[in-house]
N, C-alpha and C. Protein backbone atom coordinates (compact mmCIF):
# COMPACT_ATOMS: atom_id res chain seq x y z
N UNK A 1 -0.29 8.17 -29.05
CA UNK A 1 0.03 6.88 -28.47
C UNK A 1 0.88 7.05 -27.21
N UNK A 2 1.84 7.96 -27.26
CA UNK A 2 2.71 8.15 -26.09
C UNK A 2 1.94 8.68 -24.89
N UNK A 3 0.96 9.54 -25.14
CA UNK A 3 0.18 10.08 -24.04
C UNK A 3 -0.68 9.01 -23.36
N UNK A 4 -1.20 8.07 -24.15
CA UNK A 4 -1.99 6.99 -23.55
C UNK A 4 -1.10 6.10 -22.69
N UNK A 5 0.11 5.84 -23.14
CA UNK A 5 1.03 5.01 -22.36
C UNK A 5 1.40 5.72 -21.05
N UNK A 6 1.60 7.02 -21.11
CA UNK A 6 1.91 7.78 -19.91
C UNK A 6 0.72 7.75 -18.95
N UNK A 7 -0.50 7.84 -19.49
CA UNK A 7 -1.70 7.77 -18.65
C UNK A 7 -1.82 6.40 -17.97
N UNK A 8 -1.51 5.34 -18.69
CA UNK A 8 -1.58 4.00 -18.12
C UNK A 8 -0.57 3.84 -16.99
N UNK A 9 0.64 4.31 -17.20
CA UNK A 9 1.67 4.22 -16.16
C UNK A 9 1.29 5.07 -14.96
N UNK A 10 0.77 6.27 -15.20
CA UNK A 10 0.34 7.13 -14.11
C UNK A 10 -0.78 6.48 -13.30
N UNK A 11 -1.76 5.88 -14.00
CA UNK A 11 -2.85 5.19 -13.30
C UNK A 11 -2.34 4.02 -12.48
N UNK A 12 -1.36 3.29 -13.01
CA UNK A 12 -0.78 2.16 -12.28
C UNK A 12 -0.07 2.64 -11.03
N UNK A 13 0.69 3.72 -11.12
CA UNK A 13 1.37 4.27 -9.95
C UNK A 13 0.38 4.80 -8.92
N UNK A 14 -0.67 5.45 -9.37
CA UNK A 14 -1.68 5.96 -8.44
C UNK A 14 -2.38 4.82 -7.71
N UNK A 15 -2.67 3.74 -8.43
CA UNK A 15 -3.29 2.58 -7.80
C UNK A 15 -2.33 1.95 -6.78
N UNK A 16 -1.06 1.88 -7.13
CA UNK A 16 -0.07 1.33 -6.21
C UNK A 16 0.00 2.18 -4.94
N UNK A 17 0.00 3.48 -5.07
CA UNK A 17 0.02 4.36 -3.90
C UNK A 17 -1.26 4.24 -3.09
N UNK A 18 -2.39 4.15 -3.76
CA UNK A 18 -3.68 4.04 -3.08
C UNK A 18 -3.76 2.76 -2.27
N UNK A 19 -3.25 1.66 -2.82
CA UNK A 19 -3.32 0.38 -2.14
C UNK A 19 -2.31 0.30 -1.00
N UNK A 20 -1.12 0.82 -1.20
CA UNK A 20 -0.08 0.66 -0.19
C UNK A 20 -0.13 1.72 0.92
N UNK A 21 -0.77 2.85 0.68
CA UNK A 21 -0.77 3.93 1.67
C UNK A 21 -1.35 3.53 3.03
N UNK A 22 -2.52 2.89 3.11
CA UNK A 22 -3.04 2.54 4.44
C UNK A 22 -2.13 1.58 5.20
N UNK A 23 -1.54 0.64 4.50
CA UNK A 23 -0.66 -0.34 5.14
C UNK A 23 0.60 0.36 5.66
N UNK A 24 1.17 1.22 4.85
CA UNK A 24 2.38 1.93 5.26
C UNK A 24 2.10 2.93 6.39
N UNK A 25 0.94 3.57 6.36
CA UNK A 25 0.59 4.51 7.42
C UNK A 25 0.45 3.79 8.76
N UNK A 26 -0.18 2.61 8.73
CA UNK A 26 -0.31 1.83 9.97
C UNK A 26 1.07 1.43 10.48
N UNK A 27 1.96 1.01 9.58
CA UNK A 27 3.32 0.67 9.99
C UNK A 27 4.05 1.86 10.59
N UNK A 28 3.86 3.03 10.01
CA UNK A 28 4.47 4.24 10.52
C UNK A 28 3.96 4.60 11.91
N UNK A 29 2.65 4.54 12.09
CA UNK A 29 2.05 4.89 13.38
C UNK A 29 2.47 3.90 14.46
N UNK A 30 2.43 2.61 14.15
CA UNK A 30 2.83 1.60 15.14
C UNK A 30 4.31 1.76 15.48
N UNK A 31 5.15 1.99 14.50
CA UNK A 31 6.57 2.20 14.76
C UNK A 31 6.81 3.42 15.63
N UNK A 32 6.06 4.48 15.38
CA UNK A 32 6.18 5.69 16.19
C UNK A 32 5.75 5.46 17.63
N UNK A 33 4.63 4.76 17.80
CA UNK A 33 4.14 4.48 19.15
C UNK A 33 5.13 3.60 19.92
N UNK A 34 5.65 2.57 19.27
CA UNK A 34 6.61 1.69 19.94
C UNK A 34 7.89 2.45 20.26
N UNK A 35 8.32 3.32 19.38
CA UNK A 35 9.53 4.11 19.64
C UNK A 35 9.34 5.06 20.81
N UNK A 36 8.16 5.67 20.91
CA UNK A 36 7.87 6.55 22.06
C UNK A 36 7.85 5.73 23.35
N UNK A 37 7.24 4.55 23.28
CA UNK A 37 7.22 3.68 24.47
C UNK A 37 8.63 3.26 24.86
N UNK A 38 9.49 3.00 23.89
CA UNK A 38 10.88 2.66 24.19
C UNK A 38 11.60 3.84 24.83
N UNK A 39 11.33 5.02 24.35
CA UNK A 39 11.98 6.20 24.92
C UNK A 39 11.50 6.46 26.35
N UNK A 40 10.21 6.23 26.59
CA UNK A 40 9.66 6.46 27.93
C UNK A 40 10.20 5.44 28.92
N UNK A 41 10.25 4.18 28.50
CA UNK A 41 10.70 3.13 29.42
C UNK A 41 12.21 2.91 29.38
N UNK A 42 12.89 3.58 28.51
CA UNK A 42 14.33 3.48 28.33
C UNK A 42 14.79 2.08 27.97
N UNK A 43 13.92 1.36 27.24
CA UNK A 43 14.30 0.05 26.69
C UNK A 43 14.80 0.32 25.28
N UNK A 44 16.04 0.02 25.01
CA UNK A 44 16.64 0.34 23.71
C UNK A 44 16.91 -0.93 22.90
N UNK A 45 15.94 -1.78 22.81
CA UNK A 45 16.06 -3.00 22.01
C UNK A 45 15.66 -2.68 20.57
N UNK A 46 16.57 -2.87 19.64
CA UNK A 46 16.31 -2.48 18.24
C UNK A 46 15.26 -3.37 17.57
N UNK A 47 15.22 -4.64 17.93
CA UNK A 47 14.30 -5.56 17.26
C UNK A 47 12.88 -5.48 17.81
N UNK A 48 12.66 -4.76 18.89
CA UNK A 48 11.35 -4.67 19.51
C UNK A 48 10.33 -3.96 18.61
N UNK A 49 10.77 -3.11 17.75
CA UNK A 49 9.86 -2.35 16.88
C UNK A 49 9.27 -3.23 15.78
N UNK A 50 10.01 -4.20 15.31
CA UNK A 50 9.62 -4.92 14.10
C UNK A 50 8.42 -5.85 14.30
N UNK A 51 8.34 -6.56 15.40
CA UNK A 51 7.25 -7.53 15.59
C UNK A 51 5.88 -6.84 15.64
N UNK A 52 5.67 -5.81 16.46
CA UNK A 52 4.35 -5.16 16.43
C UNK A 52 4.03 -4.52 15.09
N UNK A 53 5.05 -3.96 14.45
CA UNK A 53 4.83 -3.32 13.15
C UNK A 53 4.41 -4.34 12.10
N UNK A 54 5.08 -5.49 12.07
CA UNK A 54 4.74 -6.52 11.10
C UNK A 54 3.35 -7.08 11.37
N UNK A 55 3.03 -7.33 12.64
CA UNK A 55 1.71 -7.84 12.99
C UNK A 55 0.61 -6.86 12.59
N UNK A 56 0.81 -5.59 12.86
CA UNK A 56 -0.19 -4.57 12.50
C UNK A 56 -0.35 -4.46 10.99
N UNK A 57 0.76 -4.48 10.26
CA UNK A 57 0.68 -4.35 8.81
C UNK A 57 0.03 -5.58 8.17
N UNK A 58 0.32 -6.76 8.68
CA UNK A 58 -0.33 -7.97 8.18
C UNK A 58 -1.82 -7.93 8.50
N UNK A 59 -2.17 -7.47 9.70
CA UNK A 59 -3.58 -7.36 10.07
C UNK A 59 -4.35 -6.40 9.17
N UNK A 60 -3.76 -5.27 8.88
CA UNK A 60 -4.41 -4.30 7.99
C UNK A 60 -4.54 -4.89 6.58
N UNK A 61 -3.52 -5.58 6.13
CA UNK A 61 -3.57 -6.20 4.80
C UNK A 61 -4.68 -7.23 4.73
N UNK A 62 -4.81 -8.06 5.77
CA UNK A 62 -5.87 -9.07 5.79
C UNK A 62 -7.24 -8.39 5.84
N UNK A 63 -7.37 -7.34 6.64
CA UNK A 63 -8.64 -6.63 6.74
C UNK A 63 -9.04 -5.95 5.43
N UNK A 64 -8.05 -5.53 4.65
CA UNK A 64 -8.34 -4.77 3.43
C UNK A 64 -8.22 -5.61 2.16
N UNK A 65 -8.02 -6.92 2.29
CA UNK A 65 -7.73 -7.73 1.11
C UNK A 65 -8.88 -7.72 0.10
N UNK A 66 -10.12 -7.66 0.55
CA UNK A 66 -11.23 -7.64 -0.41
C UNK A 66 -11.24 -6.32 -1.19
N UNK A 67 -10.98 -5.20 -0.50
CA UNK A 67 -10.93 -3.90 -1.18
C UNK A 67 -9.76 -3.86 -2.17
N UNK A 68 -8.63 -4.37 -1.74
CA UNK A 68 -7.45 -4.41 -2.63
C UNK A 68 -7.74 -5.25 -3.86
N UNK A 69 -8.39 -6.38 -3.67
CA UNK A 69 -8.73 -7.27 -4.78
C UNK A 69 -9.67 -6.58 -5.76
N UNK A 70 -10.67 -5.89 -5.24
CA UNK A 70 -11.62 -5.18 -6.12
C UNK A 70 -10.90 -4.11 -6.93
N UNK A 71 -10.03 -3.33 -6.28
CA UNK A 71 -9.30 -2.29 -6.99
C UNK A 71 -8.39 -2.88 -8.07
N UNK A 72 -7.71 -3.97 -7.75
CA UNK A 72 -6.83 -4.61 -8.73
C UNK A 72 -7.63 -5.19 -9.90
N UNK A 73 -8.79 -5.78 -9.62
CA UNK A 73 -9.62 -6.34 -10.69
C UNK A 73 -10.18 -5.24 -11.58
N UNK A 74 -10.58 -4.11 -10.98
CA UNK A 74 -11.07 -2.99 -11.79
C UNK A 74 -9.97 -2.47 -12.71
N UNK A 75 -8.77 -2.34 -12.17
CA UNK A 75 -7.65 -1.85 -12.98
C UNK A 75 -7.32 -2.85 -14.09
N UNK A 76 -7.33 -4.14 -13.76
CA UNK A 76 -7.03 -5.16 -14.77
C UNK A 76 -8.08 -5.17 -15.87
N UNK A 77 -9.35 -5.06 -15.49
CA UNK A 77 -10.42 -5.01 -16.50
C UNK A 77 -10.27 -3.79 -17.39
N UNK A 78 -9.88 -2.67 -16.80
CA UNK A 78 -9.66 -1.45 -17.59
C UNK A 78 -8.50 -1.63 -18.56
N UNK A 79 -7.45 -2.31 -18.12
CA UNK A 79 -6.30 -2.53 -18.99
C UNK A 79 -6.62 -3.49 -20.13
N UNK A 80 -7.41 -4.54 -19.84
CA UNK A 80 -7.77 -5.48 -20.89
C UNK A 80 -8.76 -4.89 -21.88
N UNK A 81 -9.59 -3.94 -21.43
CA UNK A 81 -10.54 -3.32 -22.35
C UNK A 81 -9.91 -2.20 -23.16
N UNK A 82 -8.73 -1.71 -22.72
CA UNK A 82 -8.03 -0.64 -23.42
C UNK A 82 -7.35 -1.21 -24.67
N UNK A 83 -7.56 -0.58 -25.77
CA UNK A 83 -6.97 -1.04 -27.03
C UNK A 83 -5.89 -0.06 -27.46
N UNK A 84 -4.64 -0.52 -27.66
CA UNK A 84 -3.59 0.41 -28.08
C UNK A 84 -3.81 0.95 -29.49
N UNK A 85 -4.58 0.25 -30.32
CA UNK A 85 -4.80 0.71 -31.69
C UNK A 85 -5.77 1.88 -31.71
N UNK A 86 -6.87 1.73 -30.98
CA UNK A 86 -7.87 2.80 -30.99
C UNK A 86 -7.66 3.81 -29.90
N UNK A 87 -6.96 3.40 -28.82
CA UNK A 87 -6.70 4.31 -27.71
C UNK A 87 -7.88 4.47 -26.79
N UNK A 88 -8.84 3.54 -26.83
CA UNK A 88 -10.00 3.64 -25.94
C UNK A 88 -10.27 2.35 -25.23
């Protein structure tokens, strides 16, 4: 029983990482590009990084919402079909 619970938690964490990774990577890349542009132009405005990063991350989330929904529904269906008594 304990091993099945560990497997469920591991699968949930893997799904969380799979869903959030593309969004976070886009935020990282946009933040890096804006920071390089700030260094090149010598504009040191701290809040300048946040607006492009938020817009890019929201755009990626909107573009990927159908894929995210499918993954979440598959995981939910797997959890509802899993029986703690039988372990299958």
